[in-house]
């Protein structure tokens, strides 16, 4: 794939774990030097698991290298 690393990329997700389907692309862009941001609209607080989902998301974004 060819990516324009001079552009900024913003990925928008409804809730944590939706990024699983595009995380590889996000990581590729980051490794190539592109500016990448992720936005999650909710905490995923289904059945009261919001706090756990937020902790999982923090770990996932750290692994991806997101700010």
N, C-alpha and C. Protein backbone atom coordinates (compact mmCIF):
# COMPACT_ATOMS: atom_id res chain seq x y z
N UNK A 1 0.82 -1.19 0.00
CA UNK A 1 0.00 0.00 0.00
C UNK A 1 0.86 1.25 0.00
N UNK A 2 0.41 2.25 -0.68
CA UNK A 2 1.09 3.54 -0.68
C UNK A 2 0.31 4.51 0.19
N UNK A 3 1.00 5.10 1.14
CA UNK A 3 0.38 6.06 2.04
C UNK A 3 1.09 7.40 1.89
N UNK A 4 0.35 8.46 1.94
CA UNK A 4 0.91 9.80 1.94
C UNK A 4 1.22 10.17 3.38
N UNK A 5 2.46 10.05 3.77
CA UNK A 5 2.84 10.29 5.16
C UNK A 5 2.94 11.77 5.50
N UNK A 6 2.71 12.64 4.53
CA UNK A 6 2.71 14.07 4.82
C UNK A 6 1.32 14.52 5.29
N UNK A 7 0.35 13.65 5.20
CA UNK A 7 -1.02 13.97 5.61
C UNK A 7 -1.26 13.55 7.05
N UNK A 8 -2.29 14.12 7.65
CA UNK A 8 -2.72 13.73 8.99
C UNK A 8 -3.89 12.77 8.84
N UNK A 9 -3.93 11.75 9.67
CA UNK A 9 -4.98 10.75 9.62
C UNK A 9 -5.72 10.72 10.95
N UNK A 10 -7.04 10.78 10.89
CA UNK A 10 -7.87 10.70 12.08
C UNK A 10 -8.84 9.53 11.88
N UNK A 11 -8.84 8.62 12.82
CA UNK A 11 -9.73 7.46 12.78
C UNK A 11 -10.79 7.64 13.86
N UNK A 12 -12.04 7.47 13.50
CA UNK A 12 -13.16 7.69 14.40
C UNK A 12 -13.85 6.36 14.70
N UNK A 13 -14.04 6.08 15.99
CA UNK A 13 -14.64 4.81 16.42
C UNK A 13 -15.78 5.07 17.39
N UNK A 14 -16.80 4.23 17.34
CA UNK A 14 -17.93 4.36 18.26
C UNK A 14 -17.52 4.02 19.68
N UNK A 15 -16.77 2.93 19.86
CA UNK A 15 -16.35 2.54 21.20
C UNK A 15 -15.10 1.68 21.12
N UNK A 16 -14.43 1.48 22.27
CA UNK A 16 -13.21 0.70 22.30
C UNK A 16 -13.40 -0.68 21.68
N UNK A 17 -12.42 -1.16 21.06
CA UNK A 17 -12.25 -2.44 20.36
C UNK A 17 -12.71 -2.38 18.91
N UNK A 18 -13.39 -1.29 18.50
CA UNK A 18 -13.74 -1.15 17.09
C UNK A 18 -12.49 -0.93 16.24
N UNK A 19 -11.43 -0.46 16.87
CA UNK A 19 -10.18 -0.21 16.16
C UNK A 19 -9.46 -1.49 15.76
N UNK A 20 -9.88 -2.62 16.29
CA UNK A 20 -9.19 -3.88 16.01
C UNK A 20 -9.13 -4.19 14.52
N UNK A 21 -10.11 -3.73 13.77
CA UNK A 21 -10.17 -4.05 12.35
C UNK A 21 -9.24 -3.19 11.50
N UNK A 22 -8.77 -2.07 12.04
CA UNK A 22 -7.95 -1.14 11.26
C UNK A 22 -6.62 -0.85 11.95
N UNK A 23 -6.37 -1.49 13.09
CA UNK A 23 -5.17 -1.21 13.87
C UNK A 23 -3.89 -1.45 13.08
N UNK A 24 -3.88 -2.45 12.21
CA UNK A 24 -2.69 -2.72 11.40
C UNK A 24 -2.36 -1.56 10.47
N UNK A 25 -3.38 -0.99 9.87
CA UNK A 25 -3.17 0.18 9.01
C UNK A 25 -2.70 1.37 9.82
N UNK A 26 -3.29 1.56 10.98
CA UNK A 26 -2.87 2.66 11.84
C UNK A 26 -1.40 2.51 12.22
N UNK A 27 -0.99 1.31 12.60
CA UNK A 27 0.39 1.07 13.00
C UNK A 27 1.34 1.28 11.82
N UNK A 28 0.94 0.83 10.64
CA UNK A 28 1.77 1.03 9.44
C UNK A 28 1.98 2.51 9.18
N UNK A 29 0.93 3.29 9.26
CA UNK A 29 1.05 4.73 9.05
C UNK A 29 1.99 5.36 10.07
N UNK A 30 1.86 4.96 11.33
CA UNK A 30 2.71 5.50 12.39
C UNK A 30 4.17 5.15 12.13
N UNK A 31 4.43 3.90 11.77
CA UNK A 31 5.80 3.46 11.51
C UNK A 31 6.42 4.18 10.31
N UNK A 32 5.59 4.59 9.37
CA UNK A 32 6.08 5.31 8.20
C UNK A 32 6.23 6.81 8.46
N UNK A 33 5.85 7.26 9.67
CA UNK A 33 6.05 8.65 10.06
C UNK A 33 4.85 9.55 9.91
N UNK A 34 3.69 9.01 9.59
CA UNK A 34 2.49 9.84 9.45
C UNK A 34 1.97 10.25 10.83
N UNK A 35 1.27 11.36 10.86
CA UNK A 35 0.61 11.81 12.09
C UNK A 35 -0.76 11.13 12.15
N UNK A 36 -0.96 10.31 13.18
CA UNK A 36 -2.18 9.51 13.30
C UNK A 36 -2.85 9.80 14.64
N UNK A 37 -4.17 9.96 14.59
CA UNK A 37 -4.95 10.19 15.80
C UNK A 37 -6.16 9.25 15.79
N UNK A 38 -6.58 8.84 16.96
CA UNK A 38 -7.78 8.03 17.11
C UNK A 38 -8.76 8.74 18.03
N UNK A 39 -10.04 8.66 17.70
CA UNK A 39 -11.08 9.27 18.51
C UNK A 39 -12.12 8.19 18.80
N UNK A 40 -12.40 7.96 20.08
CA UNK A 40 -13.41 7.00 20.51
C UNK A 40 -14.54 7.80 21.13
N UNK A 41 -15.75 7.58 20.65
CA UNK A 41 -16.89 8.41 21.08
C UNK A 41 -17.49 8.00 22.41
N UNK A 42 -17.29 6.77 22.83
CA UNK A 42 -17.80 6.31 24.13
C UNK A 42 -16.73 5.49 24.83
N UNK A 43 -16.99 5.20 26.09
CA UNK A 43 -16.04 4.38 26.86
C UNK A 43 -16.33 2.89 26.72
N UNK A 44 -17.43 2.54 26.08
CA UNK A 44 -17.80 1.13 25.98
C UNK A 44 -18.39 0.62 27.28
N UNK A 45 -19.12 1.47 27.98
CA UNK A 45 -19.64 1.14 29.30
C UNK A 45 -20.87 0.24 29.24
N UNK A 46 -20.74 -0.84 28.52
CA UNK A 46 -21.82 -1.81 28.41
C UNK A 46 -21.72 -2.77 29.59
N UNK A 47 -22.78 -2.99 30.28
CA UNK A 47 -22.81 -3.83 31.48
C UNK A 47 -21.84 -3.33 32.55
N UNK A 48 -21.62 -2.00 32.60
CA UNK A 48 -20.77 -1.43 33.63
C UNK A 48 -19.29 -1.70 33.46
N UNK A 49 -18.84 -1.99 32.25
CA UNK A 49 -17.44 -2.33 32.00
C UNK A 49 -16.63 -1.16 31.45
N UNK A 50 -17.17 0.06 31.55
CA UNK A 50 -16.51 1.22 30.98
C UNK A 50 -15.10 1.46 31.49
N UNK A 51 -14.92 1.35 32.79
CA UNK A 51 -13.60 1.59 33.37
C UNK A 51 -12.59 0.57 32.85
N UNK A 52 -12.98 -0.69 32.77
CA UNK A 52 -12.10 -1.73 32.25
C UNK A 52 -11.78 -1.48 30.78
N UNK A 53 -12.79 -1.08 29.99
CA UNK A 53 -12.58 -0.80 28.56
C UNK A 53 -11.61 0.36 28.37
N UNK A 54 -11.72 1.38 29.24
CA UNK A 54 -10.82 2.52 29.14
C UNK A 54 -9.38 2.11 29.43
N UNK A 55 -9.17 1.24 30.40
CA UNK A 55 -7.82 0.74 30.70
C UNK A 55 -7.28 -0.08 29.54
N UNK A 56 -8.13 -0.91 28.96
CA UNK A 56 -7.72 -1.71 27.80
C UNK A 56 -7.36 -0.81 26.62
N UNK A 57 -8.15 0.23 26.43
CA UNK A 57 -7.89 1.17 25.34
C UNK A 57 -6.57 1.89 25.54
N UNK A 58 -6.27 2.27 26.77
CA UNK A 58 -5.00 2.93 27.07
C UNK A 58 -3.83 2.03 26.71
N UNK A 59 -3.92 0.77 27.03
CA UNK A 59 -2.86 -0.19 26.68
C UNK A 59 -2.73 -0.35 25.17
N UNK A 60 -3.88 -0.45 24.50
CA UNK A 60 -3.88 -0.63 23.05
C UNK A 60 -3.28 0.57 22.33
N UNK A 61 -3.65 1.79 22.76
CA UNK A 61 -3.12 2.97 22.10
C UNK A 61 -1.61 3.10 22.36
N UNK A 62 -1.17 2.70 23.53
CA UNK A 62 0.27 2.73 23.81
C UNK A 62 1.03 1.75 22.89
N UNK A 63 0.46 0.57 22.69
CA UNK A 63 1.08 -0.41 21.80
C UNK A 63 1.15 0.09 20.36
N UNK A 64 0.09 0.78 19.94
CA UNK A 64 0.08 1.36 18.58
C UNK A 64 1.02 2.53 18.43
N UNK A 65 1.28 3.21 19.53
CA UNK A 65 2.12 4.42 19.47
C UNK A 65 1.32 5.68 19.22
N UNK A 66 0.04 5.65 19.58
CA UNK A 66 -0.81 6.84 19.43
C UNK A 66 -0.54 7.81 20.57
N UNK A 67 -0.68 9.11 20.28
CA UNK A 67 -0.47 10.12 21.35
C UNK A 67 -1.58 10.07 22.39
